[in-house]
Amino acid sequence: APLQLRELVNCRWAEEVTQQLDTLQLCNLNKHEENEKDKCENHHEKLSVFCWTCKKCICHQCALPGGMHGGHTFKPLAEIYEQHVTKVNEEVAKLRRRLMELISLVQEVVR
């Protein structure tokens, strides 16, 4: 049977659903791009090792003897990450203490 425009019902939530689908697709694209950033340029494998000699993240194949970083010093990437997180947290704590000192000094000047 032919469908007439007057027989159609306005679906109020259709626009909302399509916006959510667009958002999900955008999120998937962003995740894919992030995953590509975390891969070795040469071997397209996950970066899992930190080359201490070159100061850069590499994959386990680059770290193998005969690889691009053969003979270099390595550390697990997770260990380096934890060290950096600890250092950043310590610096943030120092900055917070300094901010409190400065606020106290400003209050003294105002008094």
Protein backbone atom coordinates (compact mmCIF):
# COMPACT_ATOMS: atom_id res chain seq x y z
CA ALA A 1 0.00 0.00 0.00
CA PRO A 2 1.30 3.49 -0.74
CA LEU A 3 2.41 5.48 2.28
CA GLN A 4 1.16 9.02 2.73
CA LEU A 5 3.06 11.74 4.58
CA ARG A 6 0.09 12.40 6.87
CA GLU A 7 0.23 8.75 8.01
CA LEU A 8 3.80 9.07 9.36
CA VAL A 9 4.33 9.49 13.09
CA ASN A 10 7.00 11.83 14.41
CA CYS A 11 9.59 9.83 16.37
CA ARG A 12 10.91 12.26 18.99
CA TRP A 13 13.87 10.17 20.14
CA ALA A 14 15.23 9.28 16.66
CA GLU A 15 17.47 12.36 16.55
CA GLU A 16 18.82 11.56 20.00
CA VAL A 17 19.61 7.97 18.98
CA THR A 18 21.40 9.08 15.81
CA GLN A 19 23.48 11.58 17.80
CA GLN A 20 24.49 8.81 20.21
CA LEU A 21 25.42 6.54 17.28
CA ASP A 22 27.56 9.33 15.81
CA THR A 23 29.27 9.78 19.18
CA LEU A 24 29.99 6.05 19.43
CA GLN A 25 31.48 5.99 15.95
CA LEU A 26 33.68 8.99 16.80
CA CYS A 27 34.84 7.27 20.00
CA ASN A 28 35.76 4.14 18.04
CA LEU A 29 37.79 6.21 15.57
CA ASN A 30 39.62 7.96 18.42
CA LYS A 31 40.40 4.62 20.12
CA HIS A 32 41.76 3.26 16.85
CA GLU A 33 43.99 6.32 16.43
CA GLU A 34 45.24 5.99 20.03
CA ASN A 35 46.00 2.31 19.50
CA GLU A 36 48.04 3.19 16.42
CA LYS A 37 50.06 5.72 18.45
CA ASP A 38 50.96 2.98 20.95
CA LYS A 39 52.48 0.75 18.27
CA CYS A 40 56.01 0.45 16.96
CA GLU A 41 56.58 2.27 13.68
CA ASN A 42 58.72 -0.59 12.36
CA HIS A 43 56.96 -3.73 13.64
CA HIS A 44 53.41 -2.42 14.36
CA GLU A 45 53.49 -4.12 17.75
CA LYS A 46 52.57 -2.71 21.14
CA LEU A 47 55.24 -0.54 22.78
CA SER A 48 56.25 -2.43 25.92
CA VAL A 49 59.90 -1.59 26.59
CA PHE A 50 61.73 1.64 27.38
CA CYS A 51 65.17 1.99 25.78
CA TRP A 52 67.15 3.75 28.50
CA THR A 53 69.98 4.48 26.06
CA CYS A 54 67.77 6.25 23.48
CA LYS A 55 65.16 7.47 26.00
CA LYS A 56 62.26 6.20 23.90
CA CYS A 57 59.53 3.57 23.95
CA ILE A 58 60.04 0.53 21.73
CA CYS A 59 58.49 -2.89 21.11
CA HIS A 60 60.05 -6.13 22.29
CA GLN A 61 61.29 -6.97 18.76
CA CYS A 62 63.32 -3.76 18.59
CA ALA A 63 64.96 -4.80 21.88
CA LEU A 64 66.03 -8.23 20.61
CA PRO A 65 69.72 -8.79 19.90
CA GLY A 66 70.35 -7.74 16.33
CA GLY A 67 67.41 -5.34 16.47
CA MET A 68 67.65 -1.59 16.13
CA HIS A 69 68.41 -1.23 19.84
CA GLY A 70 70.70 -4.24 20.28
CA GLY A 71 73.17 -3.71 23.11
CA HIS A 72 71.16 -0.89 24.69
CA THR A 73 69.84 -0.81 28.26
CA PHE A 74 66.12 -1.51 28.75
CA LYS A 75 63.47 -1.22 31.43
CA PRO A 76 59.84 -2.36 31.38
CA LEU A 77 57.61 0.46 30.18
CA ALA A 78 55.20 -0.07 33.10
CA GLU A 79 58.05 0.52 35.58
CA ILE A 80 59.08 3.77 33.88
CA TYR A 81 55.44 4.87 33.80
CA GLU A 82 55.05 4.27 37.55
CA GLN A 83 58.24 6.23 38.25
CA HIS A 84 56.95 9.17 36.22
CA VAL A 85 53.53 9.07 37.92
CA THR A 86 55.21 9.10 41.34
CA LYS A 87 57.45 12.02 40.34
CA VAL A 88 54.51 14.03 38.97
CA ASN A 89 52.48 13.39 42.14
CA GLU A 90 55.40 14.56 44.29
CA GLU A 91 55.72 17.74 42.25
CA VAL A 92 51.97 18.38 42.48
CA ALA A 93 52.17 18.00 46.28
CA LYS A 94 55.06 20.52 46.38
CA LEU A 95 53.08 22.98 44.28
CA ARG A 96 50.03 22.62 46.53
CA ARG A 97 52.18 23.33 49.61
CA ARG A 98 53.68 26.38 47.90
CA LEU A 99 50.20 27.58 46.91
CA MET A 100 49.07 27.33 50.53
CA GLU A 101 52.15 29.31 51.61
CA LEU A 102 51.42 32.01 49.05
CA ILE A 103 47.75 32.23 50.06
CA SER A 104 48.86 32.59 53.67
CA LEU A 105 51.30 35.36 52.75
CA VAL A 106 48.65 37.21 50.74
CA GLN A 107 46.26 37.02 53.71
CA GLU A 108 48.98 38.46 55.95
CA VAL A 109 49.57 41.34 53.55
CA VAL A 110 45.82 42.04 53.40
CA ARG A 111 45.66 42.13 57.24
